[in-house]
N, C-alpha and C. Protein backbone atom coordinates (compact mmCIF):
# COMPACT_ATOMS: atom_id res chain seq x y z
N MET A 1 2.92 9.28 37.56
CA MET A 1 3.40 9.47 36.20
C MET A 1 2.88 10.77 35.60
N GLU A 2 2.92 11.79 36.35
CA GLU A 2 2.41 13.07 35.90
C GLU A 2 3.27 13.67 34.79
N ASP A 3 4.57 13.40 34.81
CA ASP A 3 5.46 13.99 33.81
C ASP A 3 5.38 13.29 32.46
N GLN A 4 4.80 12.10 32.38
CA GLN A 4 4.67 11.39 31.10
C GLN A 4 3.22 11.39 30.65
N GLN A 5 2.80 12.48 30.03
CA GLN A 5 1.45 12.58 29.52
C GLN A 5 1.45 12.21 28.04
N TYR A 6 0.52 11.34 27.66
CA TYR A 6 0.45 10.90 26.28
C TYR A 6 -0.48 11.81 25.50
N ASN A 7 -0.04 12.20 24.31
CA ASN A 7 -0.81 13.11 23.48
C ASN A 7 -0.58 12.73 22.01
N GLY A 8 -1.44 11.93 21.44
CA GLY A 8 -1.28 11.52 20.05
C GLY A 8 -0.32 10.36 19.91
N TYR A 9 0.21 10.21 18.69
CA TYR A 9 1.07 9.08 18.40
C TYR A 9 2.30 9.48 17.60
N CYS A 10 3.37 8.74 17.81
CA CYS A 10 4.55 8.78 16.96
C CYS A 10 4.39 7.57 16.04
N ILE A 11 4.66 7.76 14.75
CA ILE A 11 4.46 6.66 13.81
C ILE A 11 5.71 6.41 12.99
N CYS A 12 5.82 5.18 12.53
CA CYS A 12 6.87 4.82 11.60
C CYS A 12 6.19 4.58 10.26
N VAL A 13 6.51 5.41 9.28
CA VAL A 13 5.86 5.29 7.98
C VAL A 13 6.46 4.16 7.15
N HIS A 14 7.55 3.57 7.62
CA HIS A 14 8.20 2.50 6.87
C HIS A 14 7.62 1.12 7.20
N CYS A 15 7.30 0.90 8.48
CA CYS A 15 6.75 -0.40 8.85
C CYS A 15 5.34 -0.29 9.44
N ASN A 16 4.76 0.93 9.37
CA ASN A 16 3.37 1.18 9.78
C ASN A 16 3.08 0.80 11.22
N THR A 17 3.99 1.15 12.13
CA THR A 17 3.74 0.93 13.55
C THR A 17 3.49 2.27 14.22
N LYS A 18 2.81 2.22 15.36
CA LYS A 18 2.35 3.41 16.04
C LYS A 18 2.70 3.29 17.52
N TYR A 19 3.24 4.37 18.09
CA TYR A 19 3.63 4.39 19.49
C TYR A 19 3.06 5.64 20.15
N PRO A 20 2.66 5.58 21.42
CA PRO A 20 2.15 6.77 22.09
C PRO A 20 3.21 7.86 22.16
N HIS A 21 2.80 9.10 21.86
CA HIS A 21 3.70 10.26 21.94
C HIS A 21 3.75 10.74 23.38
N VAL A 22 4.95 10.91 23.91
CA VAL A 22 5.14 11.42 25.26
C VAL A 22 5.45 12.91 25.18
N LYS A 23 4.72 13.69 25.95
CA LYS A 23 4.87 15.14 25.95
C LYS A 23 6.32 15.54 26.21
N LYS A 24 6.81 16.53 25.47
CA LYS A 24 8.16 17.10 25.55
C LYS A 24 9.25 16.13 25.10
N GLN A 25 8.87 15.09 24.35
CA GLN A 25 9.85 14.16 23.77
C GLN A 25 9.54 14.04 22.28
N PRO A 26 10.21 14.85 21.43
CA PRO A 26 9.91 14.85 20.00
C PRO A 26 10.03 13.46 19.37
N CYS A 27 9.07 13.13 18.54
CA CYS A 27 9.08 11.84 17.84
C CYS A 27 10.32 11.69 16.97
N ARG A 28 10.75 12.76 16.34
CA ARG A 28 11.88 12.69 15.41
C ARG A 28 13.18 12.31 16.11
N ASN A 29 13.23 12.44 17.44
CA ASN A 29 14.43 12.07 18.20
C ASN A 29 14.42 10.59 18.60
N LYS A 30 13.37 9.87 18.22
CA LYS A 30 13.25 8.46 18.57
C LYS A 30 13.35 7.61 17.31
N THR A 31 13.72 6.36 17.49
CA THR A 31 13.76 5.43 16.37
C THR A 31 12.77 4.30 16.61
N CYS A 32 12.31 3.72 15.53
CA CYS A 32 11.36 2.63 15.58
C CYS A 32 12.06 1.37 16.10
N PRO A 33 11.52 0.74 17.13
CA PRO A 33 12.13 -0.50 17.63
C PRO A 33 12.05 -1.65 16.62
N GLU A 34 11.11 -1.57 15.69
CA GLU A 34 10.92 -2.64 14.71
C GLU A 34 11.94 -2.57 13.57
N CYS A 35 12.13 -1.36 12.98
CA CYS A 35 13.00 -1.26 11.80
C CYS A 35 14.19 -0.32 11.99
N GLY A 36 14.21 0.46 13.08
CA GLY A 36 15.35 1.33 13.36
C GLY A 36 15.32 2.68 12.68
N ARG A 37 14.26 3.01 11.97
CA ARG A 37 14.18 4.31 11.29
C ARG A 37 13.53 5.35 12.20
N ALA A 38 13.71 6.61 11.83
CA ALA A 38 13.18 7.71 12.63
C ALA A 38 11.65 7.72 12.61
N LEU A 39 11.07 8.11 13.74
CA LEU A 39 9.61 8.24 13.84
C LEU A 39 9.20 9.65 13.48
N MET A 40 7.91 9.83 13.18
CA MET A 40 7.38 11.17 12.97
C MET A 40 6.03 11.27 13.67
N ARG A 41 5.66 12.48 13.99
CA ARG A 41 4.41 12.72 14.73
C ARG A 41 3.23 12.56 13.77
N GLU A 42 2.27 11.77 14.15
CA GLU A 42 1.08 11.56 13.33
C GLU A 42 0.32 12.87 13.20
N GLY A 43 0.01 13.25 11.96
CA GLY A 43 -0.73 14.47 11.69
C GLY A 43 0.13 15.72 11.61
N SER A 44 1.44 15.59 11.81
CA SER A 44 2.33 16.75 11.77
C SER A 44 2.49 17.24 10.34
N TYR A 45 3.15 18.39 10.21
CA TYR A 45 3.42 18.96 8.90
C TYR A 45 4.18 17.96 8.03
N HIS A 46 5.21 17.34 8.60
CA HIS A 46 6.03 16.40 7.83
C HIS A 46 5.24 15.14 7.48
N HIS A 47 4.35 14.72 8.35
CA HIS A 47 3.51 13.57 8.04
C HIS A 47 2.58 13.90 6.88
N GLN A 48 2.02 15.11 6.89
CA GLN A 48 1.16 15.54 5.79
C GLN A 48 1.92 15.59 4.46
N LEU A 49 3.17 16.08 4.50
CA LEU A 49 3.99 16.10 3.28
C LEU A 49 4.25 14.67 2.78
N TYR A 50 4.52 13.77 3.70
CA TYR A 50 4.76 12.38 3.33
C TYR A 50 3.52 11.78 2.66
N LEU A 51 2.35 12.02 3.25
CA LEU A 51 1.11 11.50 2.67
C LEU A 51 0.86 12.08 1.28
N LYS A 52 1.15 13.36 1.11
CA LYS A 52 0.99 13.99 -0.21
C LYS A 52 1.95 13.36 -1.21
N LYS A 53 3.19 13.14 -0.80
CA LYS A 53 4.18 12.54 -1.68
C LYS A 53 3.74 11.14 -2.11
N ILE A 54 3.24 10.37 -1.19
CA ILE A 54 2.76 9.02 -1.50
C ILE A 54 1.57 9.10 -2.46
N GLY A 55 0.68 10.06 -2.24
CA GLY A 55 -0.47 10.26 -3.12
C GLY A 55 -0.04 10.64 -4.53
N ASP A 56 0.93 11.55 -4.62
CA ASP A 56 1.44 11.97 -5.92
C ASP A 56 2.12 10.81 -6.64
N ARG A 57 2.83 10.00 -5.91
CA ARG A 57 3.52 8.85 -6.50
C ARG A 57 2.49 7.85 -7.02
N SER A 58 1.42 7.66 -6.28
CA SER A 58 0.35 6.77 -6.71
C SER A 58 -0.29 7.29 -8.00
N TYR A 59 -0.47 8.60 -8.10
CA TYR A 59 -1.04 9.23 -9.28
C TYR A 59 -0.13 9.03 -10.49
N GLU A 60 1.19 9.21 -10.26
CA GLU A 60 2.15 9.06 -11.36
C GLU A 60 2.25 7.62 -11.85
N ASN A 61 1.95 6.67 -11.00
CA ASN A 61 2.05 5.25 -11.37
C ASN A 61 0.80 4.74 -12.09
N GLY A 62 -0.09 5.63 -12.49
CA GLY A 62 -1.23 5.23 -13.29
C GLY A 62 -2.51 4.95 -12.54
N ASN A 63 -2.56 5.32 -11.27
CA ASN A 63 -3.78 5.13 -10.49
C ASN A 63 -4.65 6.37 -10.55
N SER A 64 -4.90 6.84 -11.77
CA SER A 64 -5.72 8.04 -11.96
C SER A 64 -6.83 7.74 -12.96
N ASP A 65 -7.69 8.72 -13.14
CA ASP A 65 -8.82 8.57 -14.06
C ASP A 65 -8.50 9.12 -15.44
N LYS A 66 -7.23 9.47 -15.71
CA LYS A 66 -6.89 10.03 -17.02
C LYS A 66 -7.10 8.99 -18.11
N GLY A 67 -7.57 9.45 -19.27
CA GLY A 67 -7.84 8.54 -20.35
C GLY A 67 -6.93 8.68 -21.44
């Protein structure tokens, strides 16, 4: 199995499942077997944007220290 080297994870941000990333097979080209949505590479640029968006949404919903 030399051609299938695992490097990190592909994740589904909708149902919080994690799958091993296979080299030369982009996560975005795969769908989650659980919910059918597109996967993204854990720690990627798009994953970081998603985490920031979720953080901003949490801040807007009143989970801040503003008085």
